[in-house]
Amino acid sequence: MPREFSRSKRVEAQIQRELAQLIQFALKDPRVGLVTVSGVEVSRDLAYAKVYVTALGTEEHSVEEMLEALNHAAGFLRRELGKHLTTRVTPQLTFIYDASVEQGASLSALIDAAVAPKDK
């Protein structure tokens, strides 16, 4: 019986869950605030993973500082992730900022402004 999801999709979902927990509880860098792992893309051979993150409350630290801190901690996160994965290879992590949430909010605001009744 074929499985509903491919192996890479299952690994992506597991990496997303595990990294969200690790970033929240194991990472102590103050430059990393409230980070949400919004998606993971894994290469076919599971050697590389692009981790898409969004941040809440980025007023204190910039997005660039957050990405720098996450990419600096990628080795630590990879080692900890390897303890939870059942694959032979733990992928090399690259963190990328996902601006789709901000873009969606701005588009929603523009639509609301366009549809709002005009006061005369």
C-alpha atoms as a PDB file:
ATOM      1  CA  MET A   1       0.000   0.000   0.000  1.00  0.00           C
ATOM      2  CA  PRO A   2       1.569   3.318  -1.008  1.00  0.00           C
ATOM      3  CA  ARG A   3       2.108   5.947   1.610  1.00  0.00           C
ATOM      4  CA  GLU A   4       0.258   9.212   1.445  1.00  0.00           C
ATOM      5  CA  PHE A   5       3.405  11.371   1.715  1.00  0.00           C
ATOM      6  CA  SER A   6       6.858  10.837   0.313  1.00  0.00           C
ATOM      7  CA  ARG A   7       9.764  10.191   2.628  1.00  0.00           C
ATOM      8  CA  SER A   8      11.225  13.658   2.105  1.00  0.00           C
ATOM      9  CA  LYS A   9       7.907  15.284   3.103  1.00  0.00           C
ATOM     10  CA  ARG A  10       7.789  13.221   6.297  1.00  0.00           C
ATOM     11  CA  VAL A  11      11.398  14.152   7.110  1.00  0.00           C
ATOM     12  CA  GLU A  12      10.638  17.829   6.417  1.00  0.00           C
ATOM     13  CA  ALA A  13       7.690  17.740   8.825  1.00  0.00           C
ATOM     14  CA  GLN A  14       9.751  16.037  11.526  1.00  0.00           C
ATOM     15  CA  ILE A  15      12.621  18.518  11.116  1.00  0.00           C
ATOM     16  CA  GLN A  16      10.157  21.417  11.330  1.00  0.00           C
ATOM     17  CA  ARG A  17       8.671  20.103  14.589  1.00  0.00           C
ATOM     18  CA  GLU A  18      12.022  19.285  16.184  1.00  0.00           C
ATOM     19  CA  LEU A  19      13.679  22.580  15.189  1.00  0.00           C
ATOM     20  CA  ALA A  20      10.760  24.587  16.539  1.00  0.00           C
ATOM     21  CA  GLN A  21      11.235  22.888  19.906  1.00  0.00           C
ATOM     22  CA  LEU A  22      15.030  23.226  19.850  1.00  0.00           C
ATOM     23  CA  ILE A  23      14.987  26.911  18.927  1.00  0.00           C
ATOM     24  CA  GLN A  24      12.431  27.673  21.613  1.00  0.00           C
ATOM     25  CA  PHE A  25      13.947  25.693  24.480  1.00  0.00           C
ATOM     26  CA  ALA A  26      17.621  24.912  23.748  1.00  0.00           C
ATOM     27  CA  LEU A  27      18.866  28.048  21.987  1.00  0.00           C
ATOM     28  CA  LYS A  28      19.884  30.767  24.431  1.00  0.00           C
ATOM     29  CA  ASP A  29      21.015  33.507  22.029  1.00  0.00           C
ATOM     30  CA  PRO A  30      19.289  36.807  22.916  1.00  0.00           C
ATOM     31  CA  ARG A  31      19.298  37.883  19.245  1.00  0.00           C
ATOM     32  CA  VAL A  32      16.813  35.098  18.525  1.00  0.00           C
ATOM     33  CA  GLY A  33      13.450  36.261  19.774  1.00  0.00           C
ATOM     34  CA  LEU A  34      10.132  34.609  19.071  1.00  0.00           C
ATOM     35  CA  VAL A  35      10.932  32.554  15.991  1.00  0.00           C
ATOM     36  CA  THR A  36       8.466  30.384  14.120  1.00  0.00           C
ATOM     37  CA  VAL A  37       9.671  27.705  11.730  1.00  0.00           C
ATOM     38  CA  SER A  38       7.271  28.210   8.841  1.00  0.00           C
ATOM     39  CA  GLY A  39       8.657  25.569   6.507  1.00  0.00           C
ATOM     40  CA  VAL A  40      11.498  23.224   5.646  1.00  0.00           C
ATOM     41  CA  GLU A  41      12.764  22.083   2.251  1.00  0.00           C
ATOM     42  CA  VAL A  42      15.055  19.061   2.181  1.00  0.00           C
ATOM     43  CA  SER A  43      17.200  18.013  -0.774  1.00  0.00           C
ATOM     44  CA  ARG A  44      16.548  14.624  -2.372  1.00  0.00           C
ATOM     45  CA  ASP A  45      19.534  13.037  -0.644  1.00  0.00           C
ATOM     46  CA  LEU A  46      18.572  14.607   2.725  1.00  0.00           C
ATOM     47  CA  ALA A  47      21.994  16.266   2.970  1.00  0.00           C
ATOM     48  CA  TYR A  48      20.789  19.876   2.935  1.00  0.00           C
ATOM     49  CA  ALA A  49      17.797  21.614   4.439  1.00  0.00           C
ATOM     50  CA  LYS A  50      16.513  25.139   3.925  1.00  0.00           C
ATOM     51  CA  VAL A  51      14.662  26.248   7.042  1.00  0.00           C
ATOM     52  CA  TYR A  52      12.234  29.127   6.549  1.00  0.00           C
ATOM     53  CA  VAL A  53      11.628  31.188   9.683  1.00  0.00           C
ATOM     54  CA  THR A  54       9.471  34.151  10.640  1.00  0.00           C
ATOM     55  CA  ALA A  55       9.978  36.367  13.653  1.00  0.00           C
ATOM     56  CA  LEU A  56       7.653  38.177  16.004  1.00  0.00           C
ATOM     57  CA  GLY A  57       8.780  41.257  17.856  1.00  0.00           C
ATOM     58  CA  THR A  58      11.760  42.092  15.660  1.00  0.00           C
ATOM     59  CA  GLU A  59      11.921  45.644  17.026  1.00  0.00           C
ATOM     60  CA  GLU A  60      14.655  44.779  19.515  1.00  0.00           C
ATOM     61  CA  HIS A  61      16.912  42.968  17.032  1.00  0.00           C
ATOM     62  CA  SER A  62      16.911  43.123  13.275  1.00  0.00           C
ATOM     63  CA  VAL A  63      16.058  40.220  11.006  1.00  0.00           C
ATOM     64  CA  GLU A  64      19.662  40.112   9.788  1.00  0.00           C
ATOM     65  CA  GLU A  65      20.930  39.676  13.360  1.00  0.00           C
ATOM     66  CA  MET A  66      18.398  36.917  13.956  1.00  0.00           C
ATOM     67  CA  LEU A  67      19.438  35.068  10.787  1.00  0.00           C
ATOM     68  CA  GLU A  68      23.104  35.518  11.654  1.00  0.00           C
ATOM     69  CA  ALA A  69      22.503  34.034  15.111  1.00  0.00           C
ATOM     70  CA  LEU A  70      20.509  31.104  13.718  1.00  0.00           C
ATOM     71  CA  ASN A  71      23.064  30.327  11.016  1.00  0.00           C
ATOM     72  CA  HIS A  72      25.835  30.609  13.620  1.00  0.00           C
ATOM     73  CA  ALA A  73      23.984  28.091  15.822  1.00  0.00           C
ATOM     74  CA  ALA A  74      23.261  25.783  12.867  1.00  0.00           C
ATOM     75  CA  GLY A  75      25.972  23.316  13.911  1.00  0.00           C
ATOM     76  CA  PHE A  76      24.580  23.035  17.433  1.00  0.00           C
ATOM     77  CA  LEU A  77      21.038  22.690  16.127  1.00  0.00           C
ATOM     78  CA  ARG A  78      22.161  20.066  13.594  1.00  0.00           C
ATOM     79  CA  ARG A  79      23.833  18.006  16.321  1.00  0.00           C
ATOM     80  CA  GLU A  80      20.771  18.189  18.559  1.00  0.00           C
ATOM     81  CA  LEU A  81      18.493  17.443  15.603  1.00  0.00           C
ATOM     82  CA  GLY A  82      20.552  14.349  14.808  1.00  0.00           C
ATOM     83  CA  LYS A  83      19.675  12.931  18.222  1.00  0.00           C
ATOM     84  CA  HIS A  84      15.979  13.023  17.320  1.00  0.00           C
ATOM     85  CA  LEU A  85      16.044  11.971  13.650  1.00  0.00           C
ATOM     86  CA  THR A  86      16.067   8.355  12.558  1.00  0.00           C
ATOM     87  CA  THR A  87      17.873   9.026   9.278  1.00  0.00           C
ATOM     88  CA  ARG A  88      21.495   8.096   8.596  1.00  0.00           C
ATOM     89  CA  VAL A  89      22.327  11.647   7.551  1.00  0.00           C
ATOM     90  CA  THR A  90      21.436  14.795   9.434  1.00  0.00           C
ATOM     91  CA  PRO A  91      20.997  17.624   6.934  1.00  0.00           C
ATOM     92  CA  GLN A  92      23.118  20.752   6.916  1.00  0.00           C
ATOM     93  CA  LEU A  93      20.842  23.621   7.970  1.00  0.00           C
ATOM     94  CA  THR A  94      20.506  26.988   6.253  1.00  0.00           C
ATOM     95  CA  PHE A  95      18.088  29.509   7.743  1.00  0.00           C
ATOM     96  CA  ILE A  96      16.150  31.848   5.439  1.00  0.00           C
ATOM     97  CA  TYR A  97      13.737  34.593   6.463  1.00  0.00           C
ATOM     98  CA  ASP A  98      10.170  34.035   5.238  1.00  0.00           C
ATOM     99  CA  ALA A  99       8.500  37.385   4.599  1.00  0.00           C
ATOM    100  CA  SER A 100       5.229  35.888   3.346  1.00  0.00           C
ATOM    101  CA  VAL A 101       3.428  36.566   6.649  1.00  0.00           C
ATOM    102  CA  GLU A 102       4.278  40.267   6.498  1.00  0.00           C
ATOM    103  CA  GLN A 103       3.342  40.441   2.827  1.00  0.00           C
ATOM    104  CA  GLY A 104       0.009  38.753   3.539  1.00  0.00           C
ATOM    105  CA  ALA A 105      -0.760  41.199   6.340  1.00  0.00           C
ATOM    106  CA  SER A 106       0.069  44.201   4.174  1.00  0.00           C
ATOM    107  CA  LEU A 107      -2.063  42.884   1.291  1.00  0.00           C
ATOM    108  CA  SER A 108      -4.937  42.254   3.682  1.00  0.00           C
ATOM    109  CA  ALA A 109      -4.641  45.828   4.968  1.00  0.00           C
ATOM    110  CA  LEU A 110      -4.668  47.171   1.407  1.00  0.00           C
ATOM    111  CA  ILE A 111      -7.773  45.143   0.557  1.00  0.00           C
ATOM    112  CA  ASP A 112      -9.529  46.319   3.724  1.00  0.00           C
ATOM    113  CA  ALA A 113      -8.666  49.936   2.884  1.00  0.00           C
ATOM    114  CA  ALA A 114      -9.961  49.565  -0.671  1.00  0.00           C
ATOM    115  CA  VAL A 115     -13.239  47.952   0.381  1.00  0.00           C
ATOM    116  CA  ALA A 116     -13.899  50.289   3.326  1.00  0.00           C
ATOM    117  CA  PRO A 117     -16.801  52.723   2.794  1.00  0.00           C
ATOM    118  CA  LYS A 118     -15.741  56.268   1.994  1.00  0.00           C
ATOM    119  CA  ASP A 119     -16.933  58.985   4.388  1.00  0.00           C
ATOM    120  CA  LYS A 120     -18.285  62.098   2.683  1.00  0.00           C
END
